[in-house]
Amino acid sequence: MSKLTSAGSVGKVNNDSREKVRRYIRLTNLIPELLQLVDDGFIHDKRTYLTLGITTAVELSYLSKDVQKLVYYTIGYEAATPSYAQALRIRKLAEKKKLDFDVLEKILCE
């Protein structure tokens, strides 16, 4: 018999994997504005509806709150959300202290 972790137990009860439960828990580290993009999306204008995928949001959840705010404002400015690959690059650049609005703008415009 295998030993279940808390995330594994919750996942089993809800028919989800342990990893999916861990991702949901990680999302609690997002600023409310980014979490809103994951939960409900955001209507930018009549033509643009923005959403943020869970795996992308998990990567962004490792950023500081200040950097998350910068990402959120850049999303609004560019009317584009990052892909998972872009979120990975954003996270790496933030860790190296090489992330600012201009860099984010270039990444989101790709």
PDB file of N, CA and C in Angstrom:
ATOM      1  N   MET A   1       0.836  -1.168   0.000  1.00  0.00           N
ATOM      2  CA  MET A   1       0.000   0.000   0.000  1.00  0.00           C
ATOM      3  C   MET A   1       0.893   1.248   0.000  1.00  0.00           C
ATOM      4  N   SER A   2       0.599   2.211  -0.900  1.00  0.00           N
ATOM      5  CA  SER A   2       1.429   3.407  -0.999  1.00  0.00           C
ATOM      6  C   SER A   2       0.932   4.496  -0.056  1.00  0.00           C
ATOM      7  N   LYS A   3       1.859   5.305   0.380  1.00  0.00           N
ATOM      8  CA  LYS A   3       1.543   6.406   1.290  1.00  0.00           C
ATOM      9  C   LYS A   3       1.113   7.618   0.468  1.00  0.00           C
ATOM     10  N   LEU A   4      -0.040   8.194   0.780  1.00  0.00           N
ATOM     11  CA  LEU A   4      -0.540   9.365   0.066  1.00  0.00           C
ATOM     12  C   LEU A   4      -0.133  10.645   0.786  1.00  0.00           C
ATOM     13  N   THR A   5       0.214  11.651   0.001  1.00  0.00           N
ATOM     14  CA  THR A   5       0.450  12.966   0.573  1.00  0.00           C
ATOM     15  C   THR A   5      -0.888  13.666   0.705  1.00  0.00           C
ATOM     16  N   SER A   6      -0.905  14.812   1.355  1.00  0.00           N
ATOM     17  CA  SER A   6      -2.149  15.586   1.468  1.00  0.00           C
ATOM     18  C   SER A   6      -2.684  15.933   0.094  1.00  0.00           C
ATOM     19  N   ALA A   7      -1.794  16.389  -0.793  1.00  0.00           N
ATOM     20  CA  ALA A   7      -2.224  16.729  -2.150  1.00  0.00           C
ATOM     21  C   ALA A   7      -2.735  15.494  -2.869  1.00  0.00           C
ATOM     22  N   GLY A   8      -2.100  14.363  -2.642  1.00  0.00           N
ATOM     23  CA  GLY A   8      -2.553  13.114  -3.248  1.00  0.00           C
ATOM     24  C   GLY A   8      -3.913  12.694  -2.730  1.00  0.00           C
ATOM     25  N   SER A   9      -4.135  12.882  -1.440  1.00  0.00           N
ATOM     26  CA  SER A   9      -5.429  12.534  -0.842  1.00  0.00           C
ATOM     27  C   SER A   9      -6.545  13.415  -1.383  1.00  0.00           C
ATOM     28  N   VAL A  10      -6.283  14.711  -1.442  1.00  0.00           N
ATOM     29  CA  VAL A  10      -7.278  15.642  -1.979  1.00  0.00           C
ATOM     30  C   VAL A  10      -7.545  15.323  -3.445  1.00  0.00           C
ATOM     31  N   GLY A  11      -6.499  15.050  -4.188  1.00  0.00           N
ATOM     32  CA  GLY A  11      -6.654  14.699  -5.593  1.00  0.00           C
ATOM     33  C   GLY A  11      -7.475  13.443  -5.787  1.00  0.00           C
ATOM     34  N   LYS A  12      -7.225  12.452  -4.954  1.00  0.00           N
ATOM     35  CA  LYS A  12      -7.960  11.187  -5.078  1.00  0.00           C
ATOM     36  C   LYS A  12      -9.446  11.397  -4.810  1.00  0.00           C
ATOM     37  N   VAL A  13      -9.759  12.167  -3.791  1.00  0.00           N
ATOM     38  CA  VAL A  13     -11.157  12.443  -3.446  1.00  0.00           C
ATOM     39  C   VAL A  13     -11.859  13.202  -4.571  1.00  0.00           C
ATOM     40  N   ASN A  14     -11.143  14.097  -5.228  1.00  0.00           N
ATOM     41  CA  ASN A  14     -11.735  14.951  -6.259  1.00  0.00           C
ATOM     42  C   ASN A  14     -11.440  14.501  -7.687  1.00  0.00           C
ATOM     43  N   ASN A  15     -10.908  13.304  -7.832  1.00  0.00           N
ATOM     44  CA  ASN A  15     -10.579  12.766  -9.156  1.00  0.00           C
ATOM     45  C   ASN A  15      -9.568  13.621  -9.916  1.00  0.00           C
ATOM     46  N   ASP A  16      -8.611  14.197  -9.215  1.00  0.00           N
ATOM     47  CA  ASP A  16      -7.539  14.984  -9.813  1.00  0.00           C
ATOM     48  C   ASP A  16      -6.198  14.373  -9.423  1.00  0.00           C
ATOM     49  N   SER A  17      -5.176  14.691 -10.180  1.00  0.00           N
ATOM     50  CA  SER A  17      -3.844  14.201  -9.843  1.00  0.00           C
ATOM     51  C   SER A  17      -3.247  15.032  -8.708  1.00  0.00           C
ATOM     52  N   ARG A  18      -2.261  14.455  -8.069  1.00  0.00           N
ATOM     53  CA  ARG A  18      -1.535  15.156  -7.000  1.00  0.00           C
ATOM     54  C   ARG A  18      -0.910  16.435  -7.553  1.00  0.00           C
ATOM     55  N   GLU A  19      -0.342  16.353  -8.766  1.00  0.00           N
ATOM     56  CA  GLU A  19       0.299  17.525  -9.373  1.00  0.00           C
ATOM     57  C   GLU A  19      -0.700  18.645  -9.654  1.00  0.00           C
ATOM     58  N   LYS A  20      -1.887  18.287 -10.088  1.00  0.00           N
ATOM     59  CA  LYS A  20      -2.905  19.303 -10.357  1.00  0.00           C
ATOM     60  C   LYS A  20      -3.290  20.022  -9.067  1.00  0.00           C
ATOM     61  N   VAL A  21      -3.431  19.282  -7.987  1.00  0.00           N
ATOM     62  CA  VAL A  21      -3.742  19.885  -6.686  1.00  0.00           C
ATOM     63  C   VAL A  21      -2.603  20.797  -6.260  1.00  0.00           C
ATOM     64  N   ARG A  22      -1.359  20.358  -6.446  1.00  0.00           N
ATOM     65  CA  ARG A  22      -0.203  21.185  -6.082  1.00  0.00           C
ATOM     66  C   ARG A  22      -0.176  22.477  -6.903  1.00  0.00           C
ATOM     67  N   ARG A  23      -0.569  22.410  -8.192  1.00  0.00           N
ATOM     68  CA  ARG A  23      -0.634  23.622  -9.021  1.00  0.00           C
ATOM     69  C   ARG A  23      -1.673  24.589  -8.469  1.00  0.00           C
ATOM     70  N   TYR A  24      -2.838  24.053  -8.115  1.00  0.00           N
ATOM     71  CA  TYR A  24      -3.890  24.915  -7.559  1.00  0.00           C
ATOM     72  C   TYR A  24      -3.418  25.597  -6.275  1.00  0.00           C
ATOM     73  N   ILE A  25      -2.728  24.858  -5.443  1.00  0.00           N
ATOM     74  CA  ILE A  25      -2.199  25.436  -4.202  1.00  0.00           C
ATOM     75  C   ILE A  25      -1.186  26.533  -4.518  1.00  0.00           C
ATOM     76  N   ARG A  26      -0.339  26.291  -5.493  1.00  0.00           N
ATOM     77  CA  ARG A  26       0.687  27.269  -5.880  1.00  0.00           C
ATOM     78  C   ARG A  26       0.060  28.576  -6.356  1.00  0.00           C
ATOM     79  N   LEU A  27      -1.105  28.498  -6.969  1.00  0.00           N
ATOM     80  CA  LEU A  27      -1.778  29.697  -7.476  1.00  0.00           C
ATOM     81  C   LEU A  27      -2.130  30.685  -6.370  1.00  0.00           C
ATOM     82  N   THR A  28      -2.151  30.224  -5.121  1.00  0.00           N
ATOM     83  CA  THR A  28      -2.443  31.140  -4.014  1.00  0.00           C
ATOM     84  C   THR A  28      -1.327  32.172  -3.831  1.00  0.00           C
ATOM     85  N   ASN A  29      -0.195  31.993  -4.512  1.00  0.00           N
ATOM     86  CA  ASN A  29       0.915  32.950  -4.444  1.00  0.00           C
ATOM     87  C   ASN A  29       0.805  34.063  -5.491  1.00  0.00           C
ATOM     88  N   LEU A  30      -0.250  34.018  -6.287  1.00  0.00           N
ATOM     89  CA  LEU A  30      -0.462  35.064  -7.293  1.00  0.00           C
ATOM     90  C   LEU A  30      -1.123  36.286  -6.677  1.00  0.00           C
ATOM     91  N   ILE A  31      -0.846  37.444  -7.267  1.00  0.00           N
ATOM     92  CA  ILE A  31      -1.588  38.637  -6.871  1.00  0.00           C
ATOM     93  C   ILE A  31      -3.035  38.448  -7.345  1.00  0.00           C
ATOM     94  N   PRO A  32      -3.993  39.081  -6.685  1.00  0.00           N
ATOM     95  CA  PRO A  32      -5.409  38.876  -7.037  1.00  0.00           C
ATOM     96  C   PRO A  32      -5.735  39.152  -8.507  1.00  0.00           C
ATOM     97  N   GLU A  33      -5.086  40.131  -9.095  1.00  0.00           N
ATOM     98  CA  GLU A  33      -5.375  40.475 -10.489  1.00  0.00           C
ATOM     99  C   GLU A  33      -5.001  39.348 -11.445  1.00  0.00           C
ATOM    100  N   LEU A  34      -3.850  38.719 -11.221  1.00  0.00           N
ATOM    101  CA  LEU A  34      -3.447  37.594 -12.075  1.00  0.00           C
ATOM    102  C   LEU A  34      -4.325  36.373 -11.804  1.00  0.00           C
ATOM    103  N   LEU A  35      -4.676  36.161 -10.558  1.00  0.00           N
ATOM    104  CA  LEU A  35      -5.560  35.048 -10.226  1.00  0.00           C
ATOM    105  C   LEU A  35      -6.917  35.219 -10.912  1.00  0.00           C
ATOM    106  N   GLN A  36      -7.374  36.442 -11.005  1.00  0.00           N
ATOM    107  CA  GLN A  36      -8.633  36.744 -11.701  1.00  0.00           C
ATOM    108  C   GLN A  36      -8.542  36.335 -13.175  1.00  0.00           C
ATOM    109  N   LEU A  37      -7.379  36.569 -13.794  1.00  0.00           N
ATOM    110  CA  LEU A  37      -7.187  36.159 -15.192  1.00  0.00           C
ATOM    111  C   LEU A  37      -7.274  34.645 -15.349  1.00  0.00           C
ATOM    112  N   VAL A  38      -6.818  33.917 -14.348  1.00  0.00           N
ATOM    113  CA  VAL A  38      -6.897  32.454 -14.391  1.00  0.00           C
ATOM    114  C   VAL A  38      -8.349  32.010 -14.196  1.00  0.00           C
ATOM    115  N   ASP A  39      -9.003  32.593 -13.204  1.00  0.00           N
ATOM    116  CA  ASP A  39     -10.354  32.159 -12.845  1.00  0.00           C
ATOM    117  C   ASP A  39     -11.416  32.577 -13.858  1.00  0.00           C
ATOM    118  N   ASP A  40     -11.419  33.850 -14.214  1.00  0.00           N
ATOM    119  CA  ASP A  40     -12.536  34.399 -14.992  1.00  0.00           C
ATOM    120  C   ASP A  40     -12.138  35.003 -16.321  1.00  0.00           C
ATOM    121  N   GLY A  41     -10.870  35.230 -16.516  1.00  0.00           N
ATOM    122  CA  GLY A  41     -10.455  35.950 -17.709  1.00  0.00           C
ATOM    123  C   GLY A  41     -10.699  37.437 -17.527  1.00  0.00           C
ATOM    124  N   PHE A  42     -10.495  38.173 -18.593  1.00  0.00           N
ATOM    125  CA  PHE A  42     -10.564  39.621 -18.522  1.00  0.00           C
ATOM    126  C   PHE A  42     -10.951  40.139 -19.897  1.00  0.00           C
ATOM    127  N   ILE A  43     -11.994  40.947 -19.957  1.00  0.00           N
ATOM    128  CA  ILE A  43     -12.396  41.536 -21.228  1.00  0.00           C
ATOM    129  C   ILE A  43     -11.640  42.848 -21.375  1.00  0.00           C
ATOM    130  N   HIS A  44     -10.683  42.856 -22.290  1.00  0.00           N
ATOM    131  CA  HIS A  44      -9.859  44.036 -22.494  1.00  0.00           C
ATOM    132  C   HIS A  44     -10.610  45.090 -23.291  1.00  0.00           C
ATOM    133  N   ASP A  45     -11.202  44.681 -24.362  1.00  0.00           N
ATOM    134  CA  ASP A  45     -12.080  45.544 -25.142  1.00  0.00           C
ATOM    135  C   ASP A  45     -13.066  44.630 -25.863  1.00  0.00           C
ATOM    136  N   LYS A  46     -13.865  45.166 -26.737  1.00  0.00           N
ATOM    137  CA  LYS A  46     -14.908  44.360 -27.381  1.00  0.00           C
ATOM    138  C   LYS A  46     -14.357  43.204 -28.200  1.00  0.00           C
ATOM    139  N   ARG A  47     -13.111  43.303 -28.621  1.00  0.00           N
ATOM    140  CA  ARG A  47     -12.517  42.264 -29.466  1.00  0.00           C
ATOM    141  C   ARG A  47     -11.551  41.359 -28.735  1.00  0.00           C
ATOM    142  N   THR A  48     -11.133  41.720 -27.537  1.00  0.00           N
ATOM    143  CA  THR A  48     -10.058  40.991 -26.868  1.00  0.00           C
ATOM    144  C   THR A  48     -10.494  40.466 -25.508  1.00  0.00           C
ATOM    145  N   TYR A  49     -10.478  39.152 -25.374  1.00  0.00           N
ATOM    146  CA  TYR A  49     -10.765  38.482 -24.102  1.00  0.00           C
ATOM    147  C   TYR A  49      -9.489  37.765 -23.676  1.00  0.00           C
ATOM    148  N   LEU A  50      -8.939  38.150 -22.539  1.00  0.00           N
ATOM    149  CA  LEU A  50      -7.666  37.594 -22.087  1.00  0.00           C
ATOM    150  C   LEU A  50      -7.872  36.549 -20.996  1.00  0.00           C
ATOM    151  N   THR A  51      -7.148  35.461 -21.087  1.00  0.00           N
ATOM    152  CA  THR A  51      -7.138  34.449 -20.036  1.00  0.00           C
ATOM    153  C   THR A  51      -5.688  34.033 -19.778  1.00  0.00           C
ATOM    154  N   LEU A  52      -5.490  33.404 -18.640  1.00  0.00           N
ATOM    155  CA  LEU A  52      -4.152  32.945 -18.270  1.00  0.00           C
ATOM    156  C   LEU A  52      -4.263  31.480 -17.877  1.00  0.00           C
ATOM    157  N   GLY A  53      -3.509  30.619 -18.564  1.00  0.00           N
ATOM    158  CA  GLY A  53      -3.540  29.188 -18.279  1.00  0.00           C
ATOM    159  C   GLY A  53      -2.908  28.856 -16.939  1.00  0.00           C
ATOM    160  N   ILE A  54      -3.307  27.738 -16.386  1.00  0.00           N
ATOM    161  CA  ILE A  54      -2.840  27.350 -15.051  1.00  0.00           C
ATOM    162  C   ILE A  54      -1.336  27.127 -15.010  1.00  0.00           C
ATOM    163  N   THR A  55      -0.771  26.403 -15.963  1.00  0.00           N
ATOM    164  CA  THR A  55       0.671  26.137 -15.902  1.00  0.00           C
ATOM    165  C   THR A  55       1.478  27.417 -16.094  1.00  0.00           C
ATOM    166  N   THR A  56       0.985  28.311 -16.926  1.00  0.00           N
ATOM    167  CA  THR A  56       1.642  29.610 -17.094  1.00  0.00           C
ATOM    168  C   THR A  56       1.552  30.404 -15.798  1.00  0.00           C
ATOM    169  N   ALA A  57       0.381  30.395 -15.190  1.00  0.00           N
ATOM    170  CA  ALA A  57       0.178  31.122 -13.931  1.00  0.00           C
ATOM    171  C   ALA A  57       1.056  30.578 -12.811  1.00  0.00           C
ATOM    172  N   VAL A  58       1.250  29.268 -12.800  1.00  0.00           N
ATOM    173  CA  VAL A  58       2.125  28.669 -11.783  1.00  0.00           C
ATOM    174  C   VAL A  58       3.534  29.238 -11.920  1.00  0.00           C
ATOM    175  N   GLU A  59       4.038  29.342 -13.135  1.00  0.00           N
ATOM    176  CA  GLU A  59       5.372  29.922 -13.341  1.00  0.00           C
ATOM    177  C   GLU A  59       5.420  31.362 -12.849  1.00  0.00           C
ATOM    178  N   LEU A  60       4.378  32.130 -13.140  1.00  0.00           N
ATOM    179  CA  LEU A  60       4.347  33.531 -12.703  1.00  0.00           C
ATOM    180  C   LEU A  60       4.209  33.649 -11.187  1.00  0.00           C
ATOM    181  N   SER A  61       3.675  32.622 -10.545  1.00  0.00           N
ATOM    182  CA  SER A  61       3.484  32.674  -9.088  1.00  0.00           C
ATOM    183  C   SER A  61       4.807  32.677  -8.330  1.00  0.00           C
ATOM    184  N   TYR A  62       5.895  32.313  -8.990  1.00  0.00           N
ATOM    185  CA  TYR A  62       7.216  32.324  -8.350  1.00  0.00           C
ATOM    186  C   TYR A  62       7.850  33.716  -8.367  1.00  0.00           C
ATOM    187  N   LEU A  63       7.245  34.646  -9.087  1.00  0.00           N
ATOM    188  CA  LEU A  63       7.764  36.018  -9.151  1.00  0.00           C
ATOM    189  C   LEU A  63       7.372  36.773  -7.895  1.00  0.00           C
ATOM    190  N   SER A  64       8.141  37.801  -7.569  1.00  0.00           N
ATOM    191  CA  SER A  64       7.777  38.655  -6.442  1.00  0.00           C
ATOM    192  C   SER A  64       6.465  39.367  -6.753  1.00  0.00           C
ATOM    193  N   LYS A  65       5.808  39.857  -5.745  1.00  0.00           N
ATOM    194  CA  LYS A  65       4.533  40.574  -5.936  1.00  0.00           C
ATOM    195  C   LYS A  65       4.728  41.797  -6.828  1.00  0.00           C
ATOM    196  N   ASP A  66       5.824  42.509  -6.653  1.00  0.00           N
ATOM    197  CA  ASP A  66       6.088  43.684  -7.488  1.00  0.00           C
ATOM    198  C   ASP A  66       6.253  43.314  -8.959  1.00  0.00           C
ATOM    199  N   VAL A  67       6.968  42.239  -9.213  1.00  0.00           N
ATOM    200  CA  VAL A  67       7.164  41.802 -10.598  1.00  0.00           C
ATOM    201  C   VAL A  67       5.845  41.281 -11.167  1.00  0.00           C
ATOM    202  N   GLN A  68       5.055  40.591 -10.347  1.00  0.00           N
ATOM    203  CA  GLN A  68       3.740  40.139 -10.804  1.00  0.00           C
ATOM    204  C   GLN A  68       2.864  41.338 -11.215  1.00  0.00           C
ATOM    205  N   LYS A  69       2.924  42.408 -10.434  1.00  0.00           N
ATOM    206  CA  LYS A  69       2.163  43.614 -10.789  1.00  0.00           C
ATOM    207  C   LYS A  69       2.640  44.186 -12.110  1.00  0.00           C
ATOM    208  N   LEU A  70       3.942  44.204 -12.317  1.00  0.00           N
ATOM    209  CA  LEU A  70       4.502  44.679 -13.582  1.00  0.00           C
ATOM    210  C   LEU A  70       4.006  43.808 -14.743  1.00  0.00           C
ATOM    211  N   VAL A  71       3.998  42.498 -14.539  1.00  0.00           N
ATOM    212  CA  VAL A  71       3.500  41.584 -15.563  1.00  0.00           C
ATOM    213  C   VAL A  71       2.026  41.864 -15.845  1.00  0.00           C
ATOM    214  N   TYR A  72       1.246  42.047 -14.800  1.00  0.00           N
ATOM    215  CA  TYR A  72      -0.190  42.316 -14.974  1.00  0.00           C
ATOM    216  C   TYR A  72      -0.420  43.606 -15.768  1.00  0.00           C
ATOM    217  N   TYR A  73       0.284  44.663 -15.404  1.00  0.00           N
ATOM    218  CA  TYR A  73       0.108  45.936 -16.113  1.00  0.00           C
ATOM    219  C   TYR A  73       0.575  45.840 -17.563  1.00  0.00           C
ATOM    220  N   THR A  74       1.611  45.070 -17.803  1.00  0.00           N
ATOM    221  CA  THR A  74       2.087  44.881 -19.172  1.00  0.00           C
ATOM    222  C   THR A  74       1.081  44.064 -19.982  1.00  0.00           C
ATOM    223  N   ILE A  75       0.464  43.078 -19.358  1.00  0.00           N
ATOM    224  CA  ILE A  75      -0.596  42.312 -20.017  1.00  0.00           C
ATOM    225  C   ILE A  75      -1.719  43.249 -20.455  1.00  0.00           C
ATOM    226  N   GLY A  76      -2.128  44.143 -19.568  1.00  0.00           N
ATOM    227  CA  GLY A  76      -3.179  45.095 -19.901  1.00  0.00           C
ATOM    228  C   GLY A  76      -2.767  46.060 -20.994  1.00  0.00           C
ATOM    229  N   TYR A  77      -1.528  46.503 -20.939  1.00  0.00           N
ATOM    230  CA  TYR A  77      -1.018  47.463 -21.925  1.00  0.00           C
ATOM    231  C   TYR A  77      -0.934  46.835 -23.309  1.00  0.00           C
ATOM    232  N   GLU A  78      -0.441  45.593 -23.373  1.00  0.00           N
ATOM    233  CA  GLU A  78      -0.250  44.909 -24.649  1.00  0.00           C
ATOM    234  C   GLU A  78      -1.471  44.104 -25.094  1.00  0.00           C
ATOM    235  N   ALA A  79      -2.425  43.937 -24.201  1.00  0.00           N
ATOM    236  CA  ALA A  79      -3.615  43.110 -24.477  1.00  0.00           C
ATOM    237  C   ALA A  79      -3.201  41.707 -24.923  1.00  0.00           C
ATOM    238  N   ALA A  80      -2.229  41.144 -24.206  1.00  0.00           N
ATOM    239  CA  ALA A  80      -1.733  39.799 -24.515  1.00  0.00           C
ATOM    240  C   ALA A  80      -1.232  39.152 -23.226  1.00  0.00           C
ATOM    241  N   THR A  81      -1.509  37.871 -23.080  1.00  0.00           N
ATOM    242  CA  THR A  81      -0.991  37.129 -21.937  1.00  0.00           C
ATOM    243  C   THR A  81       0.184  36.271 -22.397  1.00  0.00           C
ATOM    244  N   PRO A  82       1.117  35.986 -21.504  1.00  0.00           N
ATOM    245  CA  PRO A  82       2.275  35.186 -21.910  1.00  0.00           C
ATOM    246  C   PRO A  82       1.918  33.719 -22.100  1.00  0.00           C
ATOM    247  N   SER A  83       2.629  33.077 -22.994  1.00  0.00           N
ATOM    248  CA  SER A  83       2.539  31.622 -23.144  1.00  0.00           C
ATOM    249  C   SER A  83       3.363  30.997 -22.014  1.00  0.00           C
ATOM    250  N   TYR A  84       3.299  29.683 -21.922  1.00  0.00           N
ATOM    251  CA  TYR A  84       4.099  28.989 -20.914  1.00  0.00           C
ATOM    252  C   TYR A  84       5.594  29.238 -21.144  1.00  0.00           C
ATOM    253  N   ALA A  85       6.036  29.140 -22.388  1.00  0.00           N
ATOM    254  CA  ALA A  85       7.451  29.368 -22.711  1.00  0.00           C
ATOM    255  C   ALA A  85       7.864  30.799 -22.363  1.00  0.00           C
ATOM    256  N   GLN A  86       7.002  31.756 -22.643  1.00  0.00           N
ATOM    257  CA  GLN A  86       7.308  33.145 -22.303  1.00  0.00           C
ATOM    258  C   GLN A  86       7.365  33.322 -20.787  1.00  0.00           C
ATOM    259  N   ALA A  87       6.467  32.666 -20.059  1.00  0.00           N
ATOM    260  CA  ALA A  87       6.470  32.757 -18.591  1.00  0.00           C
ATOM    261  C   ALA A  87       7.769  32.201 -18.018  1.00  0.00           C
ATOM    262  N   LEU A  88       8.268  31.126 -18.609  1.00  0.00           N
ATOM    263  CA  LEU A  88       9.552  30.578 -18.162  1.00  0.00           C
ATOM    264  C   LEU A  88      10.671  31.595 -18.360  1.00  0.00           C
ATOM    265  N   ARG A  89      10.678  32.257 -19.515  1.00  0.00           N
ATOM    266  CA  ARG A  89      11.704  33.278 -19.790  1.00  0.00           C
ATOM    267  C   ARG A  89      11.558  34.463 -18.834  1.00  0.00           C
ATOM    268  N   ILE A  90      10.334  34.870 -18.585  1.00  0.00           N
ATOM    269  CA  ILE A  90      10.077  35.977 -17.658  1.00  0.00           C
ATOM    270  C   ILE A  90      10.614  35.622 -16.275  1.00  0.00           C
ATOM    271  N   ARG A  91      10.345  34.421 -15.826  1.00  0.00           N
ATOM    272  CA  ARG A  91      10.812  33.983 -14.506  1.00  0.00           C
ATOM    273  C   ARG A  91      12.338  33.985 -14.426  1.00  0.00           C
ATOM    274  N   LYS A  92      12.998  33.454 -15.468  1.00  0.00           N
ATOM    275  CA  LYS A  92      14.462  33.420 -15.474  1.00  0.00           C
ATOM    276  C   LYS A  92      15.055  34.829 -15.483  1.00  0.00           C
ATOM    277  N   LEU A  93      14.486  35.710 -16.281  1.00  0.00           N
ATOM    278  CA  LEU A  93      14.975  37.096 -16.336  1.00  0.00           C
ATOM    279  C   LEU A  93      14.748  37.810 -15.004  1.00  0.00           C
ATOM    280  N   ALA A  94      13.626  37.553 -14.366  1.00  0.00           N
ATOM    281  CA  ALA A  94      13.348  38.168 -13.068  1.00  0.00           C
ATOM    282  C   ALA A  94      14.341  37.685 -12.016  1.00  0.00           C
ATOM    283  N   GLU A  95      14.675  36.402 -12.058  1.00  0.00           N
ATOM    284  CA  GLU A  95      15.656  35.856 -11.112  1.00  0.00           C
ATOM    285  C   GLU A  95      17.025  36.507 -11.288  1.00  0.00           C
ATOM    286  N   LYS A  96      17.352  36.871 -12.537  1.00  0.00           N
ATOM    287  CA  LYS A  96      18.633  37.519 -12.832  1.00  0.00           C
ATOM    288  C   LYS A  96      18.553  39.035 -12.692  1.00  0.00           C
ATOM    289  N   LYS A  97      17.391  39.544 -12.263  1.00  0.00           N
ATOM    290  CA  LYS A  97      17.164  40.995 -12.108  1.00  0.00           C
ATOM    291  C   LYS A  97      17.327  41.743 -13.433  1.00  0.00           C
ATOM    292  N   LYS A  98      16.917  41.095 -14.533  1.00  0.00           N
ATOM    293  CA  LYS A  98      17.044  41.702 -15.857  1.00  0.00           C
ATOM    294  C   LYS A  98      15.678  41.923 -16.501  1.00  0.00           C
ATOM    295  N   LEU A  99      14.655  42.067 -15.673  1.00  0.00           N
ATOM    296  CA  LEU A  99      13.301  42.213 -16.197  1.00  0.00           C
ATOM    297  C   LEU A  99      12.784  43.605 -15.896  1.00  0.00           C
ATOM    298  N   ASP A 100      12.316  44.287 -16.916  1.00  0.00           N
ATOM    299  CA  ASP A 100      11.651  45.572 -16.749  1.00  0.00           C
ATOM    300  C   ASP A 100      10.510  45.650 -17.760  1.00  0.00           C
ATOM    301  N   PHE A 101       9.805  46.772 -17.788  1.00  0.00           N
ATOM    302  CA  PHE A 101       8.656  46.912 -18.673  1.00  0.00           C
ATOM    303  C   PHE A 101       9.035  46.703 -20.133  1.00  0.00           C
ATOM    304  N   ASP A 102      10.144  47.287 -20.565  1.00  0.00           N
ATOM    305  CA  ASP A 102      10.550  47.168 -21.969  1.00  0.00           C
ATOM    306  C   ASP A 102      10.814  45.718 -22.365  1.00  0.00           C
ATOM    307  N   VAL A 103      11.476  44.978 -21.490  1.00  0.00           N
ATOM    308  CA  VAL A 103      11.766  43.572 -21.767  1.00  0.00           C
ATOM    309  C   VAL A 103      10.458  42.783 -21.812  1.00  0.00           C
ATOM    310  N   LEU A 104       9.578  43.036 -20.841  1.00  0.00           N
ATOM    311  CA  LEU A 104       8.288  42.352 -20.831  1.00  0.00           C
ATOM    312  C   LEU A 104       7.478  42.660 -22.082  1.00  0.00           C
ATOM    313  N   GLU A 105       7.495  43.906 -22.479  1.00  0.00           N
ATOM    314  CA  GLU A 105       6.765  44.321 -23.672  1.00  0.00           C
ATOM    315  C   GLU A 105       7.250  43.549 -24.905  1.00  0.00           C
ATOM    316  N   LYS A 106       8.571  43.435 -25.033  1.00  0.00           N
ATOM    317  CA  LYS A 106       9.137  42.690 -26.173  1.00  0.00           C
ATOM    318  C   LYS A 106       8.723  41.225 -26.137  1.00  0.00           C
ATOM    319  N   ILE A 107       8.741  40.628 -24.951  1.00  0.00           N
ATOM    320  CA  ILE A 107       8.362  39.225 -24.822  1.00  0.00           C
ATOM    321  C   ILE A 107       6.892  39.022 -25.190  1.00  0.00           C
ATOM    322  N   LEU A 108       6.024  39.872 -24.682  1.00  0.00           N
ATOM    323  CA  LEU A 108       4.590  39.706 -24.952  1.00  0.00           C
ATOM    324  C   LEU A 108       4.215  40.043 -26.387  1.00  0.00           C
ATOM    325  N   CYS A 109       5.045  40.786 -27.075  1.00  0.00           N
ATOM    326  CA  CYS A 109       4.752  41.146 -28.486  1.00  0.00           C
ATOM    327  C   CYS A 109       5.237  40.085 -29.476  1.00  0.00           C
ATOM    328  N   GLU A 110       5.926  39.071 -29.001  1.00  0.00           N
ATOM    329  CA  GLU A 110       6.449  38.028 -29.888  1.00  0.00           C
ATOM    330  C   GLU A 110       5.324  37.231 -30.516  1.00  0.00           C
TER     331      GLU A 110
END
